[in-house]
Amino acid sequence: SIEYGLDGDDYVTTRNLLKQSSLILSPHNGDVIQLQNGTAIPLKAREEVDWYALDVFLGHAKEMQFYPKRTGAVRIEAESNSKAETVEISIAAEN
């Protein structure tokens, strides 16, 4: 058997993540994104969804962009006819 990765990597957990059927493919829960002029966060879902960020409707699509205006925590939600999912990301100040 061959195991890939670095010493201490949790290979089984990582492999199982790939098997999950998450509605939101990007961004991932806990992502930290640096806010710069024109920062665009790609929103990707498994199917067409209604996208929300900070409780504001962004649009209906499988993929679209979110342009954050300020730093802090952002809750991103995707809702389809049969499923809803939320991820929390952080927008950090430019260094």
Protein backbone atom coordinates (compact mmCIF):
# COMPACT_ATOMS: atom_id res chain seq x y z
CA SER A 1 0.00 0.00 0.00
CA ILE A 2 1.26 3.47 -0.87
CA GLU A 3 0.46 6.50 1.25
CA TYR A 4 0.92 9.99 -0.17
CA GLY A 5 1.58 13.23 1.66
CA LEU A 6 3.89 14.46 4.37
CA ASP A 7 4.69 12.86 7.71
CA GLY A 8 1.81 13.57 10.06
CA ASP A 9 -0.78 14.15 7.28
CA ASP A 10 -4.18 12.65 8.03
CA TYR A 11 -4.51 10.81 4.73
CA VAL A 12 -7.77 9.00 5.57
CA THR A 13 -9.60 12.19 6.57
CA THR A 14 -8.36 14.02 3.49
CA ARG A 15 -9.37 11.16 1.20
CA ASN A 16 -12.84 11.07 2.78
CA LEU A 17 -13.26 14.82 2.16
CA LEU A 18 -13.06 14.10 -1.55
CA LYS A 19 -15.95 11.65 -1.26
CA GLN A 20 -18.30 14.15 0.38
CA SER A 21 -21.14 15.53 -1.66
CA SER A 22 -20.97 19.12 -0.46
CA LEU A 23 -23.17 21.59 -2.25
CA ILE A 24 -20.55 24.37 -2.02
CA LEU A 25 -17.30 23.46 -3.76
CA SER A 26 -15.60 26.82 -3.25
CA PRO A 27 -14.80 28.62 -1.01
CA HIS A 28 -14.10 26.22 1.83
CA ASN A 29 -15.14 26.65 5.42
CA GLY A 30 -12.39 28.52 7.29
CA ASP A 31 -10.70 30.01 4.21
CA VAL A 32 -8.86 33.28 4.85
CA ILE A 33 -8.71 35.67 1.91
CA GLN A 34 -6.66 38.85 1.80
CA LEU A 35 -8.67 41.92 0.82
CA GLN A 36 -7.03 43.85 -1.99
CA ASN A 37 -8.40 46.25 -4.57
CA GLY A 38 -10.63 44.15 -6.84
CA THR A 39 -10.52 40.94 -4.77
CA ALA A 40 -12.92 38.43 -6.33
CA ILE A 41 -13.84 35.23 -4.51
CA PRO A 42 -15.01 32.45 -6.83
CA LEU A 43 -18.23 30.84 -5.66
CA LYS A 44 -18.74 27.34 -7.06
CA ALA A 45 -21.50 24.83 -6.35
CA ARG A 46 -22.36 21.32 -7.51
CA GLU A 47 -25.56 22.63 -9.10
CA GLU A 48 -27.36 25.90 -9.75
CA VAL A 49 -28.07 27.64 -6.44
CA ASP A 50 -29.15 30.93 -4.94
CA TRP A 51 -26.00 32.54 -3.50
CA TYR A 52 -26.03 34.79 -0.43
CA ALA A 53 -23.19 36.61 1.34
CA LEU A 54 -23.82 38.48 4.59
CA ASP A 55 -27.53 37.69 4.09
CA VAL A 56 -27.58 39.60 0.78
CA PHE A 57 -28.76 37.78 -2.36
CA LEU A 58 -25.96 37.70 -4.95
CA GLY A 59 -27.60 35.74 -7.75
CA HIS A 60 -28.64 32.35 -9.10
CA ALA A 61 -25.86 30.34 -10.76
CA LYS A 62 -23.57 27.35 -10.48
CA GLU A 63 -20.53 29.66 -10.48
CA MET A 64 -20.16 33.37 -9.81
CA GLN A 65 -17.87 35.91 -8.14
CA PHE A 66 -18.22 37.65 -4.77
CA TYR A 67 -16.43 40.99 -4.33
CA PRO A 68 -15.93 41.70 -0.61
CA LYS A 69 -15.80 45.35 0.44
CA ARG A 70 -14.55 45.01 4.03
CA THR A 71 -12.59 42.77 6.35
CA GLY A 72 -14.11 40.36 8.86
CA ALA A 73 -16.12 37.17 8.95
CA VAL A 74 -18.39 36.42 6.00
CA ARG A 75 -21.10 33.77 5.92
CA ILE A 76 -21.70 32.46 2.41
CA GLU A 77 -24.84 30.45 1.76
CA ALA A 78 -25.97 28.36 -1.19
CA GLU A 79 -29.56 27.15 -1.52
CA SER A 80 -30.96 24.77 -4.11
CA ASN A 81 -34.43 23.24 -4.33
CA SER A 82 -33.37 20.30 -2.18
CA LYS A 83 -30.37 21.41 -0.15
CA ALA A 84 -28.80 24.36 1.65
CA GLU A 85 -25.24 24.81 2.87
CA THR A 86 -23.24 27.52 4.61
CA VAL A 87 -19.51 28.21 4.86
CA GLU A 88 -17.74 30.82 6.98
CA ILE A 89 -14.70 32.59 5.56
CA SER A 90 -12.55 35.46 6.82
CA ILE A 91 -11.54 38.52 4.86
CA ALA A 92 -8.19 39.81 6.15
CA ALA A 93 -6.61 43.24 5.74
CA GLU A 94 -3.89 43.71 3.15
CA ASN A 95 -0.41 43.52 4.69
